[in-house]
Amino acid sequence: MRKTITGLIMDYFRRYDCQDLYIGPVLDRATKEYFKIYHSKPYDSLKAVNALVEQGKLTMIKEGVYRYDPAVNKPSDE
């Protein structure tokens, strides 16, 4: 099964659910994993985070800080 950058970002947030996380380290980790798998960088990982917020899968706490809470956020389809 092909892993997308969105899936890698959600995997990271699921590991640390109910915690406020700065997006920089999350994107760094997801980009490294994506590069290991496909040997190229993802196109626009910040756009993927914004899409997850719009879909209700992540909550934006303040600028640059996000949270995944399984009780509040919709379950991911990935």
Protein backbone atom coordinates (compact mmCIF):
# COMPACT_ATOMS: atom_id res chain seq x y z
CA MET A 1 0.00 0.00 0.00
CA ARG A 2 1.34 3.39 -1.00
CA LYS A 3 1.99 5.81 1.89
CA THR A 4 1.15 9.45 1.25
CA ILE A 5 2.61 12.42 3.08
CA THR A 6 -0.84 12.90 4.63
CA GLY A 7 -0.79 9.34 5.95
CA LEU A 8 2.70 9.78 7.40
CA ILE A 9 1.66 13.01 9.13
CA MET A 10 -1.42 11.33 10.63
CA ASP A 11 0.69 8.36 11.79
CA TYR A 12 2.89 10.78 13.73
CA PHE A 13 -0.07 12.56 15.29
CA ARG A 14 -1.70 9.23 16.23
CA ARG A 15 1.48 8.25 18.06
CA TYR A 16 1.21 11.39 20.20
CA ASP A 17 -2.57 11.78 20.41
CA CYS A 18 -4.03 14.42 22.75
CA GLN A 19 -0.73 16.35 22.78
CA ASP A 20 -0.08 19.80 21.31
CA LEU A 21 2.67 19.44 18.70
CA TYR A 22 4.61 22.07 16.80
CA ILE A 23 4.29 21.35 13.11
CA GLY A 24 8.00 21.81 12.26
CA PRO A 25 9.29 18.58 13.84
CA VAL A 26 6.24 16.68 12.57
CA LEU A 27 6.91 17.75 8.98
CA ASP A 28 10.63 17.04 9.33
CA ARG A 29 9.93 13.47 10.49
CA ALA A 30 7.23 12.81 7.87
CA THR A 31 9.46 14.21 5.10
CA LYS A 32 12.37 11.98 6.17
CA GLU A 33 10.15 8.90 6.16
CA TYR A 34 8.70 9.84 2.76
CA PHE A 35 12.20 10.34 1.36
CA LYS A 36 13.31 6.91 2.67
CA ILE A 37 10.38 5.26 0.90
CA TYR A 38 10.30 7.13 -2.44
CA HIS A 39 13.76 8.79 -2.72
CA SER A 40 12.16 12.16 -3.43
CA LYS A 41 10.74 14.94 -1.30
CA PRO A 42 6.97 15.42 -1.04
CA TYR A 43 5.50 18.29 -3.03
CA ASP A 44 3.82 20.38 -0.34
CA SER A 45 3.54 18.88 3.13
CA LEU A 46 2.20 22.04 4.79
CA LYS A 47 -0.72 21.99 2.37
CA ALA A 48 -1.45 18.43 3.55
CA VAL A 49 -1.62 19.64 7.17
CA ASN A 50 -4.04 22.43 6.22
CA ALA A 51 -6.21 19.90 4.38
CA LEU A 52 -6.28 17.67 7.48
CA VAL A 53 -7.46 20.64 9.55
CA GLU A 54 -10.19 21.44 7.02
CA GLN A 55 -11.33 17.79 7.01
CA GLY A 56 -11.58 17.84 10.80
CA LYS A 57 -8.84 15.26 11.38
CA LEU A 58 -6.56 17.72 13.21
CA THR A 59 -7.27 20.70 15.44
CA MET A 60 -5.28 23.91 15.11
CA ILE A 61 -4.51 25.14 18.63
CA LYS A 62 -2.60 28.25 17.59
CA GLU A 63 -0.38 29.17 14.69
CA GLY A 64 2.06 26.31 14.15
CA VAL A 65 0.60 24.08 16.90
CA TYR A 66 -1.79 21.22 16.14
CA ARG A 67 -3.45 18.37 18.05
CA TYR A 68 -5.05 15.05 17.18
CA ASP A 69 -7.65 13.90 19.69
CA PRO A 70 -9.51 10.70 18.71
CA ALA A 71 -12.49 11.71 20.86
CA VAL A 72 -12.90 15.04 19.04
CA ASN A 73 -11.44 14.59 15.57
CA LYS A 74 -12.98 12.44 12.85
CA PRO A 75 -11.26 9.08 12.34
CA SER A 76 -8.85 8.99 9.44
CA ASP A 77 -9.67 6.96 6.35
CA GLU A 78 -6.03 6.11 5.71
